[in-house]
Amino acid sequence: MRSEPAPLALFGDAGTHIPANAIQQMETVLRLPMARRGALMPDAHLGYAMPIGGVATLEGAVSPSFVGYDISCMMQLTLLDVPPDTFLANRKHFATWLKGVTSFGVGANFADGAREHPVMEEPLWGELPILRQLKDRAQSQLGSSGGGNHFADLVLVDFLEPMAPFDAGDSAVGLLTHSGSRGTGYQVATRYVQVAEQETRAMAGDIPKGYEWLRLESEAGQEYLAAMALMGRYARANHDLIHEHFVRAAGAQPVTRV
């Protein structure tokens, strides 16, 4: 570990937007020998090792625990062609349609593997042992939302400035979802966090638990990068399927997706 951390940029005020313990945690990240710079977003708060809302540049390395256990946890918004007044007058119907196309909770799935997406045809599922073991689970959970703080919500968006085809002052109905790579991503992360711990211990003895890394030039580092990228595509597929099935159930049309 370095005695002094690499440069840190704060996008927000320390103590007002960003708590002190998140800054301290980020400074630990930036004392790693391969850390070159870091940043904390306005919503930054204490995480497992890297703060939530933290970003770091690592030279020649990747840390599975910094990426996190829900690889590519993200949010997605689809704005619909539904007039706000129509939505507000039929909220119960829209809620029923949304409940019918989602699946929530730990282990949530579609037991009959009812969702389909090209991501499940990617060759990498058969090339890495960890992914071969997880493909059936990934298929059953494809298009589900998961548990914890994940959600699917129908929202009204007010535009403060133009965003084609909407003008400032317009309102739009949207579907907003928060999900990630589900149990498959968790198992991929768990596997490579363990590998990173082993490899780091062989190189350095004073690295705190949770701050280990994989060298990008190593076989394990390349495996993790490939698996991580696939989990990103899988997470995106989960969102796309929720949105596509809802749009069909509601008889709506997507205007734009973010």
Protein backbone atom coordinates (compact mmCIF):
# COMPACT_ATOMS: atom_id res chain seq x y z
CA MET A 1 0.00 0.00 0.00
CA ARG A 2 1.18 3.52 -0.76
CA SER A 3 1.65 5.94 2.09
CA GLU A 4 -0.30 8.64 0.19
CA PRO A 5 -3.43 8.11 -1.94
CA ALA A 6 -3.65 8.91 -5.65
CA PRO A 7 -5.60 12.08 -6.61
CA LEU A 8 -9.30 12.14 -5.71
CA ALA A 9 -12.01 14.34 -7.25
CA LEU A 10 -15.19 15.05 -5.27
CA PHE A 11 -18.38 15.83 -7.19
CA GLY A 12 -20.17 17.25 -4.17
CA ASP A 13 -19.31 18.72 -0.78
CA ALA A 14 -17.62 16.58 1.86
CA GLY A 15 -19.89 16.19 4.87
CA THR A 16 -22.93 17.59 3.01
CA HIS A 17 -23.33 15.31 -0.01
CA ILE A 18 -20.51 12.85 0.63
CA PRO A 19 -20.00 11.30 4.10
CA ALA A 20 -16.53 11.20 5.64
CA ASN A 21 -16.43 7.39 5.83
CA ALA A 22 -16.92 7.16 2.04
CA ILE A 23 -13.97 9.50 1.53
CA GLN A 24 -11.85 7.43 3.91
CA GLN A 25 -12.84 4.23 2.12
CA MET A 26 -11.99 5.77 -1.25
CA GLU A 27 -8.59 6.87 0.05
CA THR A 28 -7.88 3.22 0.90
CA VAL A 29 -8.71 2.32 -2.70
CA LEU A 30 -6.36 5.02 -3.93
CA ARG A 31 -3.47 3.79 -1.81
CA LEU A 32 -3.35 0.55 -3.80
CA PRO A 33 -0.13 0.32 -5.83
CA MET A 34 -1.93 0.31 -9.21
CA ALA A 35 -4.45 3.08 -8.41
CA ARG A 36 -3.94 6.21 -10.52
CA ARG A 37 -6.94 8.44 -9.75
CA GLY A 38 -10.43 8.32 -8.32
CA ALA A 39 -13.70 10.20 -8.01
CA LEU A 40 -16.77 10.23 -5.79
CA MET A 41 -20.21 11.12 -7.14
CA PRO A 42 -22.72 13.28 -5.20
CA ASP A 43 -24.58 10.16 -3.96
CA ALA A 44 -21.43 8.38 -2.76
CA HIS A 45 -21.74 6.33 0.43
CA LEU A 46 -19.98 3.49 2.23
CA GLY A 47 -19.71 0.26 0.26
CA TYR A 48 -18.20 -3.20 0.70
CA ALA A 49 -14.71 -1.96 -0.28
CA MET A 50 -15.16 0.66 -3.00
CA PRO A 51 -17.77 3.26 -1.99
CA ILE A 52 -21.08 3.12 -3.83
CA GLY A 53 -20.82 6.01 -6.27
CA GLY A 54 -17.04 5.67 -6.41
CA VAL A 55 -14.86 5.40 -9.52
CA ALA A 56 -11.18 4.44 -9.73
CA THR A 57 -8.66 4.04 -12.53
CA LEU A 58 -6.45 0.99 -11.96
CA GLU A 59 -3.44 0.52 -14.22
CA GLY A 60 -3.21 -3.02 -15.61
CA ALA A 61 -5.64 -4.42 -13.06
CA VAL A 62 -9.30 -5.03 -12.29
CA SER A 63 -10.84 -5.61 -8.85
CA PRO A 64 -13.93 -7.88 -8.85
CA SER A 65 -15.01 -6.58 -5.45
CA PHE A 66 -14.91 -2.99 -6.73
CA VAL A 67 -17.14 -3.93 -9.66
CA GLY A 68 -19.41 -5.50 -7.07
CA TYR A 69 -21.52 -8.59 -6.47
CA ASP A 70 -24.44 -7.47 -8.64
CA ILE A 71 -22.38 -6.99 -11.79
CA SER A 72 -23.78 -4.21 -13.98
CA CYS A 73 -26.61 -3.28 -11.63
CA MET A 74 -28.28 -0.50 -13.59
CA MET A 75 -31.45 1.47 -14.22
CA GLN A 76 -33.45 1.82 -17.43
CA LEU A 77 -36.27 4.18 -18.41
CA THR A 78 -38.65 3.75 -21.34
CA LEU A 79 -40.85 6.73 -22.14
CA LEU A 80 -44.20 5.72 -23.61
CA ASP A 81 -46.74 7.21 -26.03
CA VAL A 82 -49.39 7.12 -23.28
CA PRO A 83 -50.89 10.55 -22.39
CA PRO A 84 -50.37 11.33 -18.68
CA ASP A 85 -54.12 11.84 -18.16
CA THR A 86 -54.85 8.40 -19.63
CA PHE A 87 -52.27 6.81 -17.35
CA LEU A 88 -53.56 8.55 -14.22
CA ALA A 89 -57.12 7.46 -14.99
CA ASN A 90 -56.05 3.83 -15.46
CA ARG A 91 -53.25 3.36 -12.94
CA LYS A 92 -54.63 0.08 -11.57
CA HIS A 93 -54.69 -1.46 -15.05
CA PHE A 94 -51.11 -0.38 -15.73
CA ALA A 95 -50.00 -1.76 -12.36
CA THR A 96 -51.68 -5.10 -13.11
CA TRP A 97 -49.93 -5.32 -16.49
CA LEU A 98 -46.58 -4.52 -14.87
CA LYS A 99 -47.02 -7.13 -12.12
CA GLY A 100 -47.85 -9.68 -14.76
CA VAL A 101 -44.51 -9.34 -16.56
CA THR A 102 -42.13 -9.04 -13.59
CA SER A 103 -40.80 -11.45 -10.98
CA PHE A 104 -39.37 -10.16 -7.69
CA GLY A 105 -37.50 -11.55 -4.71
CA VAL A 106 -34.39 -13.56 -3.92
CA GLY A 107 -34.26 -16.43 -6.42
CA ALA A 108 -37.09 -14.91 -8.45
CA ASN A 109 -37.44 -16.59 -11.83
CA PHE A 110 -39.76 -17.77 -14.53
CA ALA A 111 -39.89 -21.46 -13.69
CA ASP A 112 -40.63 -22.54 -17.23
CA GLY A 113 -37.82 -20.41 -18.68
CA ALA A 114 -40.47 -18.37 -20.46
CA ARG A 115 -38.20 -15.48 -21.47
CA GLU A 116 -35.97 -15.60 -24.52
CA HIS A 117 -33.09 -13.33 -25.58
CA PRO A 118 -30.06 -13.69 -27.90
CA VAL A 119 -27.71 -13.14 -24.94
CA MET A 120 -28.30 -16.76 -23.92
CA GLU A 121 -26.88 -17.96 -27.26
CA GLU A 122 -23.46 -16.37 -26.76
CA PRO A 123 -20.59 -18.92 -27.02
CA LEU A 124 -18.96 -17.77 -23.79
CA TRP A 125 -21.62 -19.64 -21.77
CA GLY A 126 -19.99 -22.89 -22.93
CA GLU A 127 -16.36 -21.76 -22.75
CA LEU A 128 -15.87 -20.92 -19.06
CA PRO A 129 -16.62 -23.59 -16.42
CA ILE A 130 -18.30 -21.11 -14.05
CA LEU A 131 -20.67 -19.99 -16.81
CA ARG A 132 -21.49 -23.54 -17.92
CA GLN A 133 -22.56 -24.28 -14.35
CA LEU A 134 -24.73 -21.16 -14.18
CA LYS A 135 -26.42 -21.11 -17.59
CA ASP A 136 -29.58 -22.95 -16.49
CA ARG A 137 -30.04 -20.55 -13.58
CA ALA A 138 -29.42 -17.59 -15.85
CA GLN A 139 -32.07 -18.85 -18.27
CA SER A 140 -34.68 -19.33 -15.56
CA GLN A 141 -34.03 -15.86 -14.10
CA LEU A 142 -33.83 -14.10 -17.48
CA GLY A 143 -36.13 -11.08 -17.47
CA SER A 144 -36.68 -11.04 -13.69
CA SER A 145 -36.05 -8.17 -11.30
CA GLY A 146 -34.57 -9.76 -8.18
CA GLY A 147 -34.78 -8.49 -4.62
CA GLY A 148 -33.24 -5.94 -2.30
CA ASN A 149 -33.62 -2.41 -3.61
CA HIS A 150 -34.58 -3.51 -7.13
CA PHE A 151 -37.88 -2.23 -8.47
CA ALA A 152 -40.10 -1.64 -11.48
CA ASP A 153 -42.10 1.56 -11.26
CA LEU A 154 -44.39 3.57 -13.49
CA VAL A 155 -43.41 7.22 -13.36
CA LEU A 156 -44.37 10.64 -14.67
CA VAL A 157 -41.42 12.60 -16.06
CA ASP A 158 -41.51 16.40 -16.27
CA PHE A 159 -39.03 17.88 -18.76
CA LEU A 160 -37.10 20.89 -17.51
CA GLU A 161 -35.36 21.25 -20.87
CA PRO A 162 -35.93 19.82 -24.36
CA MET A 163 -35.08 16.18 -25.09
CA ALA A 164 -36.37 15.15 -28.49
CA PRO A 165 -39.18 14.58 -29.16
CA PHE A 166 -40.19 16.30 -25.90
CA ASP A 167 -40.08 20.04 -25.22
CA ALA A 168 -39.42 21.83 -21.94
CA GLY A 169 -42.61 21.74 -19.90
CA ASP A 170 -43.86 18.47 -21.40
CA SER A 171 -44.75 15.46 -19.27
CA ALA A 172 -44.41 11.80 -20.21
CA VAL A 173 -45.30 8.42 -18.78
CA GLY A 174 -42.40 6.02 -18.28
CA LEU A 175 -41.41 2.61 -16.99
CA LEU A 176 -38.35 2.82 -14.73
CA THR A 177 -36.56 -0.38 -13.66
CA HIS A 178 -33.64 -1.14 -11.35
CA SER A 179 -32.05 -4.56 -11.69
CA GLY A 180 -28.77 -6.30 -12.51
CA SER A 181 -27.28 -9.67 -13.37
CA ARG A 182 -29.22 -11.58 -10.71
CA GLY A 183 -27.90 -14.73 -9.03
CA THR A 184 -25.66 -15.52 -11.97
CA GLY A 185 -23.76 -12.26 -11.64
CA TYR A 186 -23.46 -12.80 -7.90
CA GLN A 187 -21.92 -16.24 -8.37
CA VAL A 188 -19.51 -14.97 -11.05
CA ALA A 189 -18.43 -12.16 -8.71
CA THR A 190 -18.03 -14.52 -5.74
CA ARG A 191 -15.81 -16.85 -7.77
CA TYR A 192 -13.46 -14.15 -9.02
CA VAL A 193 -13.33 -12.26 -5.73
CA GLN A 194 -11.89 -15.49 -4.27
CA VAL A 195 -9.41 -15.83 -7.15
CA ALA A 196 -8.35 -12.20 -6.69
CA GLU A 197 -7.76 -12.81 -2.99
CA GLN A 198 -5.48 -15.76 -3.79
CA GLU A 199 -3.52 -13.97 -6.50
CA THR A 200 -3.09 -10.78 -4.49
CA ARG A 201 -1.89 -12.64 -1.40
CA ALA A 202 0.82 -14.22 -3.58
CA MET A 203 2.04 -10.75 -4.62
CA ALA A 204 1.49 -8.53 -1.57
CA GLY A 205 0.84 -9.20 2.08
CA ASP A 206 -0.52 -5.90 3.44
CA ILE A 207 -3.60 -5.44 1.23
CA PRO A 208 -6.83 -5.13 3.25
CA LYS A 209 -9.54 -7.73 2.65
CA GLY A 210 -11.86 -6.66 -0.15
CA TYR A 211 -9.22 -4.61 -1.97
CA GLU A 212 -7.61 -7.43 -3.94
CA TRP A 213 -7.23 -7.39 -7.72
CA LEU A 214 -6.51 -9.45 -10.81
CA ARG A 215 -3.75 -8.51 -13.24
CA LEU A 216 -5.21 -7.85 -16.69
CA GLU A 217 -2.35 -9.79 -18.27
CA SER A 218 -3.21 -12.92 -16.28
CA GLU A 219 -5.50 -15.71 -17.46
CA ALA A 220 -7.83 -15.11 -14.52
CA GLY A 221 -7.95 -11.39 -15.28
CA GLN A 222 -8.93 -12.04 -18.89
CA GLU A 223 -11.53 -14.62 -17.82
CA TYR A 224 -13.08 -12.19 -15.38
CA LEU A 225 -13.21 -9.35 -17.90
CA ALA A 226 -14.98 -11.61 -20.41
CA ALA A 227 -17.44 -12.94 -17.81
CA MET A 228 -18.04 -9.43 -16.43
CA ALA A 229 -18.87 -8.11 -19.90
CA LEU A 230 -21.29 -10.98 -20.50
CA MET A 231 -22.99 -10.24 -17.18
CA GLY A 232 -23.38 -6.65 -18.34
CA ARG A 233 -25.16 -7.81 -21.49
CA TYR A 234 -27.25 -10.23 -19.43
CA ALA A 235 -28.28 -7.45 -17.04
CA ARG A 236 -29.27 -5.25 -19.97
CA ALA A 237 -31.28 -8.15 -21.40
CA ASN A 238 -33.20 -8.44 -18.11
CA HIS A 239 -34.26 -4.80 -18.40
CA ASP A 240 -35.06 -5.02 -22.10
CA LEU A 241 -37.32 -8.03 -21.55
CA ILE A 242 -39.24 -6.40 -18.69
CA HIS A 243 -39.79 -3.29 -20.80
CA GLU A 244 -40.70 -5.16 -24.00
CA HIS A 245 -43.18 -7.48 -22.26
CA PHE A 246 -44.79 -4.55 -20.42
CA VAL A 247 -45.15 -2.47 -23.58
CA ARG A 248 -46.93 -5.36 -25.30
CA ALA A 249 -49.17 -6.06 -22.29
CA ALA A 250 -50.16 -2.40 -22.00
CA GLY A 251 -50.70 -1.93 -25.73
CA ALA A 252 -48.31 1.04 -25.66
CA GLN A 253 -45.45 2.13 -27.89
CA PRO A 254 -41.97 3.16 -26.69
CA VAL A 255 -40.97 6.71 -27.63
CA THR A 256 -37.41 6.65 -26.30
CA ARG A 257 -35.30 4.55 -23.94
CA VAL A 258 -32.57 5.71 -21.54
